[in-house]
Each structure stands twice: as C-alpha cells, then as structure tokens.
Amino acid sequence: MSNNKCKIYALVSSEDTSQIRYIGKTIKSFKQRLACHLCTALKYKLKNYRCNWIRKVYADGFKVEIILIGEVLGDGRKEEIAFIQYAKEEGWKLTNNTNGGEGQLGRIVSSKTRKKKSIKMKKYFKFFKNREKARVAAFNRTPMSAADREKTRNAHRSPEARRKISLTQLNVWKSPKYKKRMGIIRNNRPPDSIETLERKRIAQNRPEIKLKKSIAIKAAWQRKKSNLISY
C-alpha cells in the first residue's frame, strides 16, 4: 500500500454547514480543490447537479466551504465509495453524479449528452483566445511530485493495466471508421522538415533507445517461438 495520504472531504454551504452536499477525495490542498470546484461552476458554467448547487449557494448570498471528513492511506477510492454509499443510505441530498472511486463509476452518459459536450468544446476551442487560455493554464499548472509521477508510471506498468490498454487499442483499430480516419490523417500530414528528421535520427540512435528496441525485439521473437511450439 502507498504511504501517501488522501483526504476525504465534503462540500457544504455556509448557510448550514451540517448539511453535506458533496463528498470527494483529493491529494491536493483544500484551497486548490475548492478553487477547482468553484472555477468549473462559476467561471466555466458547467452544467451538472454539483455545479448547479454551487451557483445557487452563491446566488443566495452564501459561500461553499470544504471540510475534512478524514485522511486515509493510499488513493482513498474504497473509502470515498463507502462514505458516499453511507450518505445515500442515510438519505443525504448529495450532488455526486457517481458512486465515487474512479470518478465515473455508476455514471451513465447518453450519446446525446456526449454529442452536446463535443459540440460545445469544439465551439469553445475554435477561438484563439480560449486556446491561449487553456495553454497558459496548462503551463501554470502545479507540477506533479516525483512520488506521484512514479505512482502513475508504475500503475501503467502492471500486467493488468498493460493488458487492458492492449485490448482497448486492438478494439479501436478493428473499427473500419477509425482506420479510414487515420488513413486520411496520414495522407494529409505535411512532410517532416530536415531539422525534424535529423532530431528523430539522433533520438533513434541513442544507446538507451537501441537497447530498449533490442530487448523488445528479442522478447517478441521469444513469444512467437513459444506460440509456434504450443501449436
């Protein structure tokens, strides 16, 4: 288990702090997490149950506050799910769209909703001003700590994670529509400049890259041999 601590928190209105309306988890500071919630609701006007509630709180002249429920070791997924389940069983009026954990568990998004979101995002990023705002926000984003980067990297290295990623990619490439779209993109892609080609050549000739390629090729041949033997 990871030694990192995760905070389980609740959002309440300053009108009545005993009424918990949202339960979440975070490894960020409460100031940062609350700012994210307020930004999506008040600045970007996101439309969901939680954001609608936040806007109503401020329209009524009150503020949204964040309070600590508890700190746990690890990523806090199981604890968040347990708290949300308990709250729903007790009849609390939570604004959570999901059952917790991964953030999407229990949420069913219709194709109509996905299409509406896609159109809205395309319209938003059509303007240079909005693209520039997103670029600046990404540039000024608080960088991940070394421990968090290592945790994310190791999560993708596990055999189970690699198997899931592989199956997803295989299913995507089986789609004729996706193959056709990728073919159009490749055919319309401008050729690399001389400088870009030189950078690629230098990168491919680095000793560590050559070693990785060699190991991958040998492993692939070993798998192929074992499959032939099994037949």
Foldseek 3Di string as FASTA:
>chain_A
DAQQKKFWKFKDKPVDRVATAAIAIGSDDQVVVVVVLCCVQPPVVDDAQSSVVQVVSVVVPIHMDMDTPDMDGDRCFVVRLVVQVVCVVVPGNYRQQESGRPSCHRHDDDPVNVVVVVVVVCVQVVDPVSVVVVVVCVVPDDDDDPVVVVVVVVVCVDPVNVVVVVVVVVVQVVDPVNVVVVVVCVVPDDDDDPVVVVVVVVVCPDPVNVVVVVVVVVVVVVVVVVVVVVD
